Amino acid sequence: MWIEIIGYVGMALVILSFLFKNIILLRSVNLAGAILSMLYGFLTTTYPTAFLNVTLATINIVFIVIYLVKKYKKGKGIQVDGN
């Protein structure tokens, strides 16, 4: 039962992430959902699900880092509340 809860929470976070305008918040919530869905995939031995979410988590991490580096280089600092 708890394994299914992990899967449903992960799925809900991925869906919820698409409602945000702020790119850092969107990618962070999507990352959390992907990590939970990845865990679900490994626990249920549905490896295509696990691999998909490993890939999504990696993409989210890379784009968060790229975004933050660009913001920092522009001298704007890191602001979570702005675009």
C-alpha atoms as a PDB file:
ATOM      1  CA  MET A   1       0.000   0.000   0.000  1.00  0.00           C
ATOM      2  CA  TRP A   2       2.750   2.491   0.908  1.00  0.00           C
ATOM      3  CA  ILE A   3       4.476   1.834  -2.435  1.00  0.00           C
ATOM      4  CA  GLU A   4       1.342   2.926  -4.287  1.00  0.00           C
ATOM      5  CA  ILE A   5       1.171   6.069  -2.143  1.00  0.00           C
ATOM      6  CA  ILE A   6       4.726   6.958  -3.234  1.00  0.00           C
ATOM      7  CA  GLY A   7       3.683   6.496  -6.863  1.00  0.00           C
ATOM      8  CA  TYR A   8       0.525   8.578  -6.540  1.00  0.00           C
ATOM      9  CA  VAL A   9       2.277  11.408  -4.689  1.00  0.00           C
ATOM     10  CA  GLY A  10       5.028  11.453  -7.312  1.00  0.00           C
ATOM     11  CA  MET A  11       2.472  11.550 -10.119  1.00  0.00           C
ATOM     12  CA  ALA A  12       0.530  14.322  -8.382  1.00  0.00           C
ATOM     13  CA  LEU A  13       3.669  16.441  -7.956  1.00  0.00           C
ATOM     14  CA  VAL A  14       4.617  16.076 -11.614  1.00  0.00           C
ATOM     15  CA  ILE A  15       1.117  17.147 -12.663  1.00  0.00           C
ATOM     16  CA  LEU A  16       1.038  19.968 -10.101  1.00  0.00           C
ATOM     17  CA  SER A  17       4.381  21.311 -11.322  1.00  0.00           C
ATOM     18  CA  PHE A  18       2.853  22.336 -14.645  1.00  0.00           C
ATOM     19  CA  LEU A  19       0.617  24.866 -12.893  1.00  0.00           C
ATOM     20  CA  PHE A  20       3.514  27.102 -11.796  1.00  0.00           C
ATOM     21  CA  LYS A  21       4.751  30.139 -13.711  1.00  0.00           C
ATOM     22  CA  ASN A  22       8.003  30.388 -11.783  1.00  0.00           C
ATOM     23  CA  ILE A  23      10.514  28.173 -13.581  1.00  0.00           C
ATOM     24  CA  ILE A  24      12.510  27.299 -10.446  1.00  0.00           C
ATOM     25  CA  LEU A  25       9.380  26.282  -8.564  1.00  0.00           C
ATOM     26  CA  LEU A  26       8.103  24.327 -11.587  1.00  0.00           C
ATOM     27  CA  ARG A  27      11.359  22.417 -12.010  1.00  0.00           C
ATOM     28  CA  SER A  28      11.787  21.829  -8.259  1.00  0.00           C
ATOM     29  CA  VAL A  29       8.310  20.369  -7.783  1.00  0.00           C
ATOM     30  CA  ASN A  30       8.720  18.352 -10.983  1.00  0.00           C
ATOM     31  CA  LEU A  31      12.073  17.094  -9.679  1.00  0.00           C
ATOM     32  CA  ALA A  32      10.485  15.981  -6.398  1.00  0.00           C
ATOM     33  CA  GLY A  33       7.752  14.174  -8.337  1.00  0.00           C
ATOM     34  CA  ALA A  34      10.288  12.529 -10.626  1.00  0.00           C
ATOM     35  CA  ILE A  35      12.338  11.315  -7.655  1.00  0.00           C
ATOM     36  CA  LEU A  36       9.275   9.783  -5.999  1.00  0.00           C
ATOM     37  CA  SER A  37       8.148   8.235  -9.286  1.00  0.00           C
ATOM     38  CA  MET A  38      11.665   6.891  -9.840  1.00  0.00           C
ATOM     39  CA  LEU A  39      11.596   5.325  -6.380  1.00  0.00           C
ATOM     40  CA  TYR A  40       8.191   3.829  -7.176  1.00  0.00           C
ATOM     41  CA  GLY A  41       9.554   2.412 -10.431  1.00  0.00           C
ATOM     42  CA  PHE A  42      12.471   0.730  -8.694  1.00  0.00           C
ATOM     43  CA  LEU A  43      10.335  -0.609  -5.825  1.00  0.00           C
ATOM     44  CA  THR A  44       7.808  -2.132  -8.210  1.00  0.00           C
ATOM     45  CA  THR A  45      10.511  -3.252 -10.665  1.00  0.00           C
ATOM     46  CA  THR A  46       8.892  -1.272 -13.470  1.00  0.00           C
ATOM     47  CA  TYR A  47      12.241  -0.243 -14.853  1.00  0.00           C
ATOM     48  CA  PRO A  48      10.930   1.784 -17.820  1.00  0.00           C
ATOM     49  CA  THR A  49       9.123   4.022 -15.299  1.00  0.00           C
ATOM     50  CA  ALA A  50      12.255   4.246 -13.164  1.00  0.00           C
ATOM     51  CA  PHE A  51      14.475   5.058 -16.170  1.00  0.00           C
ATOM     52  CA  LEU A  52      12.076   7.716 -17.463  1.00  0.00           C
ATOM     53  CA  ASN A  53      12.057   9.452 -14.089  1.00  0.00           C
ATOM     54  CA  VAL A  54      15.838   9.194 -13.643  1.00  0.00           C
ATOM     55  CA  THR A  55      16.068  10.999 -16.987  1.00  0.00           C
ATOM     56  CA  LEU A  56      13.478  13.629 -15.996  1.00  0.00           C
ATOM     57  CA  ALA A  57      15.198  14.248 -12.658  1.00  0.00           C
ATOM     58  CA  THR A  58      18.554  14.678 -14.396  1.00  0.00           C
ATOM     59  CA  ILE A  59      17.075  17.110 -16.938  1.00  0.00           C
ATOM     60  CA  ASN A  60      15.443  19.126 -14.159  1.00  0.00           C
ATOM     61  CA  ILE A  61      18.685  19.336 -12.180  1.00  0.00           C
ATOM     62  CA  VAL A  62      20.660  20.428 -15.241  1.00  0.00           C
ATOM     63  CA  PHE A  63      18.135  23.124 -16.176  1.00  0.00           C
ATOM     64  CA  ILE A  64      17.902  24.413 -12.590  1.00  0.00           C
ATOM     65  CA  VAL A  65      21.686  24.753 -12.459  1.00  0.00           C
ATOM     66  CA  ILE A  66      21.829  26.439 -15.895  1.00  0.00           C
ATOM     67  CA  TYR A  67      19.078  28.873 -14.906  1.00  0.00           C
ATOM     68  CA  LEU A  68      20.724  29.773 -11.605  1.00  0.00           C
ATOM     69  CA  VAL A  69      24.162  30.223 -13.204  1.00  0.00           C
ATOM     70  CA  LYS A  70      22.702  32.550 -15.861  1.00  0.00           C
ATOM     71  CA  LYS A  71      20.886  34.591 -13.202  1.00  0.00           C
ATOM     72  CA  TYR A  72      24.046  34.808 -11.119  1.00  0.00           C
ATOM     73  CA  LYS A  73      26.207  35.870 -14.088  1.00  0.00           C
ATOM     74  CA  LYS A  74      23.752  38.629 -14.971  1.00  0.00           C
ATOM     75  CA  GLY A  75      24.302  40.026 -11.490  1.00  0.00           C
ATOM     76  CA  LYS A  76      20.682  39.574 -10.465  1.00  0.00           C
ATOM     77  CA  GLY A  77      21.493  37.126  -7.742  1.00  0.00           C
ATOM     78  CA  ILE A  78      19.289  34.169  -7.058  1.00  0.00           C
ATOM     79  CA  GLN A  79      15.647  35.055  -6.526  1.00  0.00           C
ATOM     80  CA  VAL A  80      13.076  32.331  -6.115  1.00  0.00           C
ATOM     81  CA  ASP A  81      10.085  34.672  -6.205  1.00  0.00           C
ATOM     82  CA  GLY A  82      10.781  36.318  -9.599  1.00  0.00           C
ATOM     83  CA  ASN A  83      11.018  35.087 -13.182  1.00  0.00           C
END
